[in-house]
Amino acid sequence: MRAQGSGHIIQVSSIGGVNAFPTVGLYHASKWALEGFSQSLAAEVAPFGIKVTLIEPGGFATAWGGASAQHARQLSAYDDARAKIAAVRSRNVPGDPDATGPAILKVVDAHEPPLRIFFGSSGLAMTRAEYARRIEMWEKWNSVSLEAQGDLAAKRAQG
């Protein structure tokens, strides 16, 4: 791709790469790692004309979490958490996997494709709410963040 001065790398992440839910921590860890790697990669390869896009699907009508999944032994202490997640999932209308092909081709063919794009109806609203909560918390604790910066310039001037 560098030699030809163009290309487009498509990574499949998940809304679980920008949000986190109980009982699937290892899944999130892998998706958050892919998110960080892909964002860094995009900055590294952009000067060579190479694009990177992360597809971040929500729930789709696939066997995700079904027979192909590896499940740990369930601990009864987490029964309530699993029940709450199951209730949320039961209210979601899954996306049609067959609709993703044409959508991916639109991203691939775009002159300026996005680094990240949600696939499905839940990603944007869910992530907007999550980021609002994060920003509110960061602002609430910003004085401690600034305190942690310290003042090396003053220390250097003193001694």
Protein backbone atom coordinates (compact mmCIF):
# COMPACT_ATOMS: atom_id res chain seq x y z
CA MET A 1 0.00 0.00 0.00
CA ARG A 2 2.87 2.37 0.75
CA ALA A 3 4.45 1.60 -2.61
CA GLN A 4 1.24 2.38 -4.50
CA GLY A 5 0.52 5.44 -2.35
CA SER A 6 -3.00 4.37 -1.43
CA GLY A 7 -5.09 1.78 0.33
CA HIS A 8 -7.82 1.38 2.88
CA ILE A 9 -7.62 -0.87 5.92
CA ILE A 10 -10.98 -1.91 7.35
CA GLN A 11 -11.01 -3.12 10.96
CA VAL A 12 -14.11 -4.60 12.58
CA SER A 13 -14.44 -3.40 16.14
CA SER A 14 -17.71 -2.99 18.04
CA ILE A 15 -19.73 -0.48 20.00
CA GLY A 16 -18.02 -2.45 22.76
CA GLY A 17 -14.83 -0.65 21.72
CA VAL A 18 -16.17 2.70 22.92
CA ASN A 19 -18.63 1.53 25.60
CA ALA A 20 -18.31 -1.18 28.24
CA PHE A 21 -20.94 -3.45 29.73
CA PRO A 22 -20.85 -5.88 32.64
CA THR A 23 -19.95 -9.54 32.05
CA VAL A 24 -17.94 -9.07 28.83
CA GLY A 25 -14.78 -7.38 30.09
CA LEU A 26 -12.33 -9.50 28.08
CA TYR A 27 -14.30 -8.80 24.91
CA HIS A 28 -14.13 -5.07 25.63
CA ALA A 29 -10.42 -5.24 26.35
CA SER A 30 -9.77 -6.71 22.91
CA LYS A 31 -11.97 -4.11 21.18
CA TRP A 32 -10.51 -1.15 23.09
CA ALA A 33 -7.04 -2.40 22.13
CA LEU A 34 -8.09 -2.57 18.48
CA GLU A 35 -9.49 0.98 18.72
CA GLY A 36 -6.21 2.37 20.08
CA PHE A 37 -4.10 0.41 17.64
CA SER A 38 -6.21 1.50 14.66
CA GLN A 39 -6.24 5.18 15.64
CA SER A 40 -2.45 5.11 15.98
CA LEU A 41 -2.10 3.18 12.71
CA ALA A 42 -4.30 5.72 10.91
CA ALA A 43 -1.98 8.55 11.96
CA GLU A 44 1.09 6.55 10.93
CA VAL A 45 -0.09 5.57 7.45
CA ALA A 46 -1.99 8.74 6.47
CA PRO A 47 1.15 10.35 4.95
CA PHE A 48 1.34 7.35 2.59
CA GLY A 49 -2.23 7.86 1.33
CA ILE A 50 -3.55 4.90 3.32
CA LYS A 51 -6.88 5.18 5.14
CA VAL A 52 -8.03 3.22 8.18
CA THR A 53 -11.66 2.72 9.19
CA LEU A 54 -13.06 0.99 12.25
CA ILE A 55 -16.50 -0.50 11.71
CA GLU A 56 -18.27 -0.40 15.09
CA PRO A 57 -21.38 -2.59 14.86
CA GLY A 58 -24.06 -2.75 17.49
CA GLY A 59 -26.21 -5.83 17.89
CA PHE A 60 -26.84 -7.80 14.70
CA ALA A 61 -28.80 -10.98 14.06
CA THR A 62 -25.75 -13.26 14.17
CA ALA A 63 -24.59 -16.06 16.44
CA TRP A 64 -22.44 -13.63 18.46
CA GLY A 65 -22.44 -14.90 22.01
CA GLY A 66 -24.01 -18.15 20.86
CA ALA A 67 -22.56 -21.53 20.01
CA SER A 68 -19.26 -20.11 18.70
CA ALA A 69 -18.57 -18.16 21.90
CA GLN A 70 -16.39 -19.39 24.74
CA HIS A 71 -18.10 -18.79 28.08
CA ALA A 72 -16.51 -18.84 31.52
CA ARG A 73 -18.20 -20.69 34.35
CA GLN A 74 -20.98 -18.41 35.56
CA LEU A 75 -20.81 -17.27 39.15
CA SER A 76 -24.13 -16.78 40.91
CA ALA A 77 -22.92 -13.46 42.36
CA TYR A 78 -23.36 -11.99 38.86
CA ASP A 79 -26.85 -13.34 38.15
CA ASP A 80 -28.41 -9.88 38.57
CA ALA A 81 -25.89 -8.27 36.20
CA ARG A 82 -26.52 -10.95 33.57
CA ALA A 83 -30.29 -10.51 33.95
CA LYS A 84 -30.05 -6.74 33.48
CA ILE A 85 -27.92 -7.12 30.36
CA ALA A 86 -30.30 -9.77 28.97
CA ALA A 87 -33.24 -7.41 29.55
CA VAL A 88 -31.50 -4.60 27.65
CA ARG A 89 -30.58 -6.92 24.78
CA SER A 90 -34.13 -8.25 24.56
CA ARG A 91 -35.43 -4.74 23.85
CA ASN A 92 -32.98 -4.12 21.01
CA VAL A 93 -33.94 -4.81 17.42
CA PRO A 94 -30.92 -6.50 15.84
CA GLY A 95 -29.47 -5.29 12.59
CA ASP A 96 -29.62 -7.32 9.38
CA PRO A 97 -26.14 -8.69 8.57
CA ASP A 98 -27.01 -8.69 4.84
CA ALA A 99 -27.35 -4.89 4.93
CA THR A 100 -23.75 -4.40 6.04
CA GLY A 101 -22.12 -5.33 2.71
CA PRO A 102 -23.41 -2.33 0.74
CA ALA A 103 -22.71 -0.06 3.72
CA ILE A 104 -19.09 -1.24 3.90
CA LEU A 105 -18.67 -0.61 0.17
CA LYS A 106 -19.86 3.00 0.67
CA VAL A 107 -17.17 3.45 3.31
CA VAL A 108 -14.51 1.79 1.15
CA ASP A 109 -15.42 3.94 -1.85
CA ALA A 110 -15.54 7.23 0.10
CA HIS A 111 -12.95 9.84 -0.85
CA GLU A 112 -12.56 10.77 2.83
CA PRO A 113 -13.75 7.77 4.85
CA PRO A 114 -14.26 8.07 8.60
CA LEU A 115 -11.81 6.62 11.09
CA ARG A 116 -14.83 5.26 12.99
CA ILE A 117 -18.37 4.50 11.89
CA PHE A 118 -21.20 2.88 13.79
CA PHE A 119 -23.19 0.16 12.04
CA GLY A 120 -26.69 -0.16 13.40
CA SER A 121 -29.11 2.15 15.16
CA SER A 122 -27.82 1.99 18.74
CA GLY A 123 -24.20 3.11 18.53
CA LEU A 124 -24.47 6.87 18.21
CA ALA A 125 -27.09 7.45 20.91
CA MET A 126 -25.41 5.04 23.33
CA THR A 127 -21.97 6.55 22.79
CA ARG A 128 -23.25 10.14 22.93
CA ALA A 129 -24.67 9.40 26.40
CA GLU A 130 -21.48 7.61 27.50
CA TYR A 131 -19.24 10.48 26.39
CA ALA A 132 -21.52 13.04 28.10
CA ARG A 133 -21.08 11.07 31.35
CA ARG A 134 -17.31 10.93 30.83
CA ILE A 135 -17.00 14.66 30.13
CA GLU A 136 -19.14 15.50 33.15
CA MET A 137 -16.88 13.35 35.37
CA TRP A 138 -13.66 14.72 33.87
CA GLU A 139 -14.87 18.28 34.41
CA LYS A 140 -15.91 17.47 37.99
CA TRP A 141 -12.41 16.15 38.75
CA ASN A 142 -10.42 18.60 36.62
CA SER A 143 -9.05 20.47 39.64
CA VAL A 144 -7.41 17.23 40.82
CA SER A 145 -6.12 16.60 37.30
CA LEU A 146 -4.51 20.03 37.24
CA GLU A 147 -3.09 19.52 40.73
CA ALA A 148 -1.45 16.31 39.51
CA GLN A 149 0.38 18.32 36.85
CA GLY A 150 2.50 19.97 39.53
CA ASP A 151 4.74 22.93 38.83
CA LEU A 152 8.21 21.82 37.78
CA ALA A 153 9.04 25.32 36.53
CA ALA A 154 8.62 26.73 40.06
CA LYS A 155 10.69 23.90 41.55
CA ARG A 156 13.47 24.50 39.02
CA ALA A 157 13.47 28.22 39.75
CA GLN A 158 13.82 27.52 43.49
CA GLY A 159 16.71 25.32 43.26
